[in-house]
Amino acid sequence: MADKGRYLLLQDLEIYQLAREISRRAWRIYEALHWQDKKVMGDQFLTASDSVGANLTEGYYRFHFLDKIKFYYNSRGSLAESRDYWIELLAERGKVNEQDRIEFVNVGNEYAKKLNGFIKNTYKVSQKHKNTN
């Protein structure tokens, strides 16, 4: 909470901004693909990339702490799918240039670090809340 009784807006959090950056980079890569590559690999890459932020957002607005964490885990899974599988497959098949691949992976790695800390902090808060009730 920012001030007593006032919650931080999701959009103000660095983790959210990183998730949006993942989506922006994925969209630029996707737009450059030929229509057949979009159909075969690009659509799944873009869906997984956008799901990173979508799951973060859904979890952030859930009421129960463990429900929040479940969605954060889903976000981490979507990140792994887009960063560790699809972007590498696109690169292996010569569909994305090396600089774009590296930048996408780097943003994903930064997001992963922040997300792991976010999950850990959410769990700590849940334990503190549990002990006060």
C-alpha atoms as a PDB file:
ATOM      1  CA  MET A   1       0.000   0.000   0.000  1.00  0.00           C
ATOM      2  CA  ALA A   2       1.257   3.460  -0.845  1.00  0.00           C
ATOM      3  CA  ASP A   3      -0.540   5.386   1.885  1.00  0.00           C
ATOM      4  CA  LYS A   4      -2.596   3.937   4.683  1.00  0.00           C
ATOM      5  CA  GLY A   5      -5.763   2.604   3.076  1.00  0.00           C
ATOM      6  CA  ARG A   6      -4.636   3.398  -0.485  1.00  0.00           C
ATOM      7  CA  TYR A   7      -3.388   0.649  -2.772  1.00  0.00           C
ATOM      8  CA  LEU A   8      -0.774   0.944  -5.476  1.00  0.00           C
ATOM      9  CA  LEU A   9      -2.109   0.924  -8.998  1.00  0.00           C
ATOM     10  CA  LEU A  10      -0.929  -2.061 -10.975  1.00  0.00           C
ATOM     11  CA  GLN A  11       0.047   0.203 -13.864  1.00  0.00           C
ATOM     12  CA  ASP A  12       2.526   2.013 -11.593  1.00  0.00           C
ATOM     13  CA  LEU A  13       4.447  -1.163 -10.761  1.00  0.00           C
ATOM     14  CA  GLU A  14       7.690  -1.897 -12.586  1.00  0.00           C
ATOM     15  CA  ILE A  15       6.680  -5.539 -13.004  1.00  0.00           C
ATOM     16  CA  TYR A  16       3.554  -4.506 -14.919  1.00  0.00           C
ATOM     17  CA  GLN A  17       5.578  -2.179 -17.120  1.00  0.00           C
ATOM     18  CA  LEU A  18       7.983  -5.030 -17.900  1.00  0.00           C
ATOM     19  CA  ALA A  19       5.057  -7.293 -18.821  1.00  0.00           C
ATOM     20  CA  ARG A  20       3.802  -4.622 -21.206  1.00  0.00           C
ATOM     21  CA  GLU A  21       7.298  -4.325 -22.691  1.00  0.00           C
ATOM     22  CA  ILE A  22       7.285  -8.073 -23.354  1.00  0.00           C
ATOM     23  CA  SER A  23       4.004  -7.643 -25.229  1.00  0.00           C
ATOM     24  CA  ARG A  24       5.324  -4.670 -27.230  1.00  0.00           C
ATOM     25  CA  ARG A  25       8.461  -6.536 -28.273  1.00  0.00           C
ATOM     26  CA  ALA A  26       6.470  -9.656 -29.150  1.00  0.00           C
ATOM     27  CA  TRP A  27       4.109  -7.588 -31.296  1.00  0.00           C
ATOM     28  CA  ARG A  28       6.998  -6.020 -33.243  1.00  0.00           C
ATOM     29  CA  ILE A  29       8.452  -9.474 -33.898  1.00  0.00           C
ATOM     30  CA  TYR A  30       5.032 -10.828 -34.845  1.00  0.00           C
ATOM     31  CA  GLU A  31       4.239  -7.968 -37.238  1.00  0.00           C
ATOM     32  CA  ALA A  32       7.395  -8.658 -39.248  1.00  0.00           C
ATOM     33  CA  LEU A  33       6.499 -12.318 -39.824  1.00  0.00           C
ATOM     34  CA  HIS A  34       5.145 -13.621 -43.115  1.00  0.00           C
ATOM     35  CA  TRP A  35       1.453 -14.642 -42.889  1.00  0.00           C
ATOM     36  CA  GLN A  36       2.273 -18.368 -42.872  1.00  0.00           C
ATOM     37  CA  ASP A  37       4.841 -17.942 -40.079  1.00  0.00           C
ATOM     38  CA  LYS A  38       2.250 -15.996 -38.093  1.00  0.00           C
ATOM     39  CA  LYS A  39      -0.180 -18.871 -38.457  1.00  0.00           C
ATOM     40  CA  VAL A  40       2.321 -21.634 -37.641  1.00  0.00           C
ATOM     41  CA  MET A  41       4.343 -20.071 -34.808  1.00  0.00           C
ATOM     42  CA  GLY A  42       3.603 -16.389 -34.441  1.00  0.00           C
ATOM     43  CA  ASP A  43       0.080 -16.612 -33.092  1.00  0.00           C
ATOM     44  CA  GLN A  44       1.177 -18.929 -30.287  1.00  0.00           C
ATOM     45  CA  PHE A  45       4.229 -16.788 -29.529  1.00  0.00           C
ATOM     46  CA  LEU A  46       2.080 -13.661 -29.328  1.00  0.00           C
ATOM     47  CA  THR A  47      -0.611 -15.346 -27.223  1.00  0.00           C
ATOM     48  CA  ALA A  48       1.964 -16.637 -24.728  1.00  0.00           C
ATOM     49  CA  SER A  49       3.703 -13.246 -24.580  1.00  0.00           C
ATOM     50  CA  ASP A  50       0.463 -11.344 -23.981  1.00  0.00           C
ATOM     51  CA  SER A  51      -0.586 -13.914 -21.389  1.00  0.00           C
ATOM     52  CA  VAL A  52       2.371 -12.885 -19.217  1.00  0.00           C
ATOM     53  CA  GLY A  53       0.772  -9.537 -18.408  1.00  0.00           C
ATOM     54  CA  ALA A  54      -2.802 -10.806 -18.554  1.00  0.00           C
ATOM     55  CA  ASN A  55      -2.143 -13.363 -15.807  1.00  0.00           C
ATOM     56  CA  LEU A  56      -0.222 -10.824 -13.727  1.00  0.00           C
ATOM     57  CA  THR A  57      -3.168  -8.445 -13.976  1.00  0.00           C
ATOM     58  CA  GLU A  58      -5.773 -11.054 -13.149  1.00  0.00           C
ATOM     59  CA  GLY A  59      -3.790 -12.217 -10.134  1.00  0.00           C
ATOM     60  CA  TYR A  60      -3.213  -8.682  -8.873  1.00  0.00           C
ATOM     61  CA  TYR A  61      -6.941  -8.057  -8.665  1.00  0.00           C
ATOM     62  CA  ARG A  62      -7.827 -11.356  -7.000  1.00  0.00           C
ATOM     63  CA  PHE A  63      -8.866 -11.132  -3.358  1.00  0.00           C
ATOM     64  CA  HIS A  64      -7.235 -14.205  -1.814  1.00  0.00           C
ATOM     65  CA  PHE A  65      -3.459 -14.313  -1.608  1.00  0.00           C
ATOM     66  CA  LEU A  66      -3.054 -17.903  -2.778  1.00  0.00           C
ATOM     67  CA  ASP A  67      -5.369 -17.204  -5.712  1.00  0.00           C
ATOM     68  CA  LYS A  68      -3.135 -14.259  -6.613  1.00  0.00           C
ATOM     69  CA  ILE A  69      -0.049 -16.470  -6.480  1.00  0.00           C
ATOM     70  CA  LYS A  70      -1.673 -19.092  -8.728  1.00  0.00           C
ATOM     71  CA  PHE A  71      -2.086 -16.477 -11.461  1.00  0.00           C
ATOM     72  CA  TYR A  72       1.469 -15.240 -10.931  1.00  0.00           C
ATOM     73  CA  TYR A  73       2.634 -18.813 -11.492  1.00  0.00           C
ATOM     74  CA  ASN A  74       0.571 -18.870 -14.693  1.00  0.00           C
ATOM     75  CA  SER A  75       2.336 -15.671 -15.740  1.00  0.00           C
ATOM     76  CA  ARG A  76       5.684 -17.348 -15.116  1.00  0.00           C
ATOM     77  CA  GLY A  77       4.606 -20.321 -17.225  1.00  0.00           C
ATOM     78  CA  SER A  78       3.557 -18.067 -20.093  1.00  0.00           C
ATOM     79  CA  LEU A  79       6.881 -16.270 -19.868  1.00  0.00           C
ATOM     80  CA  ALA A  80       8.739 -19.568 -20.096  1.00  0.00           C
ATOM     81  CA  GLU A  81       6.666 -20.591 -23.105  1.00  0.00           C
ATOM     82  CA  SER A  82       7.341 -17.366 -24.995  1.00  0.00           C
ATOM     83  CA  ARG A  83      10.955 -16.777 -23.862  1.00  0.00           C
ATOM     84  CA  ASP A  84      12.307 -20.318 -23.644  1.00  0.00           C
ATOM     85  CA  TYR A  85      10.434 -21.979 -26.484  1.00  0.00           C
ATOM     86  CA  TRP A  86       8.781 -19.763 -29.080  1.00  0.00           C
ATOM     87  CA  ILE A  87      11.417 -17.029 -29.423  1.00  0.00           C
ATOM     88  CA  GLU A  88      14.121 -19.702 -29.664  1.00  0.00           C
ATOM     89  CA  LEU A  89      12.158 -21.620 -32.289  1.00  0.00           C
ATOM     90  CA  LEU A  90      11.608 -18.426 -34.285  1.00  0.00           C
ATOM     91  CA  ALA A  91      15.346 -17.696 -34.108  1.00  0.00           C
ATOM     92  CA  GLU A  92      16.314 -21.265 -35.008  1.00  0.00           C
ATOM     93  CA  ARG A  93      14.133 -21.030 -38.126  1.00  0.00           C
ATOM     94  CA  GLY A  94      15.566 -17.646 -39.079  1.00  0.00           C
ATOM     95  CA  LYS A  95      12.318 -15.761 -38.460  1.00  0.00           C
ATOM     96  CA  VAL A  96      13.668 -13.255 -35.939  1.00  0.00           C
ATOM     97  CA  ASN A  97      16.994 -11.441 -35.937  1.00  0.00           C
ATOM     98  CA  GLU A  98      19.476 -12.112 -33.159  1.00  0.00           C
ATOM     99  CA  GLN A  99      19.275  -8.608 -31.679  1.00  0.00           C
ATOM    100  CA  ASP A 100      15.490  -8.813 -31.289  1.00  0.00           C
ATOM    101  CA  ARG A 101      15.795 -12.296 -29.777  1.00  0.00           C
ATOM    102  CA  ILE A 102      18.404 -11.153 -27.249  1.00  0.00           C
ATOM    103  CA  GLU A 103      16.403  -8.071 -26.261  1.00  0.00           C
ATOM    104  CA  PHE A 104      13.217 -10.116 -25.834  1.00  0.00           C
ATOM    105  CA  VAL A 105      15.027 -12.684 -23.674  1.00  0.00           C
ATOM    106  CA  ASN A 106      16.685  -9.948 -21.584  1.00  0.00           C
ATOM    107  CA  VAL A 107      13.367  -8.246 -20.820  1.00  0.00           C
ATOM    108  CA  GLY A 108      11.900 -11.660 -20.017  1.00  0.00           C
ATOM    109  CA  ASN A 109      14.773 -12.434 -17.654  1.00  0.00           C
ATOM    110  CA  GLU A 110      14.294  -9.132 -15.844  1.00  0.00           C
ATOM    111  CA  TYR A 111      10.562  -9.814 -15.564  1.00  0.00           C
ATOM    112  CA  ALA A 112      11.249 -13.315 -14.192  1.00  0.00           C
ATOM    113  CA  LYS A 113      13.439 -11.893 -11.404  1.00  0.00           C
ATOM    114  CA  LYS A 114      10.838  -9.302 -10.481  1.00  0.00           C
ATOM    115  CA  LEU A 115       8.009 -11.829 -10.658  1.00  0.00           C
ATOM    116  CA  ASN A 116       9.791 -14.275  -8.354  1.00  0.00           C
ATOM    117  CA  GLY A 117      10.259 -11.474  -5.824  1.00  0.00           C
ATOM    118  CA  PHE A 118       6.629 -10.433  -6.278  1.00  0.00           C
ATOM    119  CA  ILE A 119       5.457 -13.988  -5.591  1.00  0.00           C
ATOM    120  CA  LYS A 120       7.702 -14.259  -2.536  1.00  0.00           C
ATOM    121  CA  ASN A 121       6.436 -10.940  -1.179  1.00  0.00           C
ATOM    122  CA  THR A 122       2.796 -11.865  -1.804  1.00  0.00           C
ATOM    123  CA  TYR A 123       3.330 -15.110   0.089  1.00  0.00           C
ATOM    124  CA  LYS A 124       4.970 -13.232   3.002  1.00  0.00           C
ATOM    125  CA  VAL A 125       2.068 -10.795   3.171  1.00  0.00           C
ATOM    126  CA  SER A 126      -0.383 -13.710   3.126  1.00  0.00           C
ATOM    127  CA  GLN A 127       1.407 -15.297   6.095  1.00  0.00           C
ATOM    128  CA  LYS A 128       1.440 -12.008   7.991  1.00  0.00           C
ATOM    129  CA  HIS A 129      -2.264 -11.518   7.253  1.00  0.00           C
ATOM    130  CA  LYS A 130      -3.008 -15.095   8.345  1.00  0.00           C
ATOM    131  CA  ASN A 131      -1.224 -14.545  11.654  1.00  0.00           C
ATOM    132  CA  THR A 132      -3.129 -11.343  12.446  1.00  0.00           C
ATOM    133  CA  ASN A 133      -6.572 -12.903  11.987  1.00  0.00           C
END
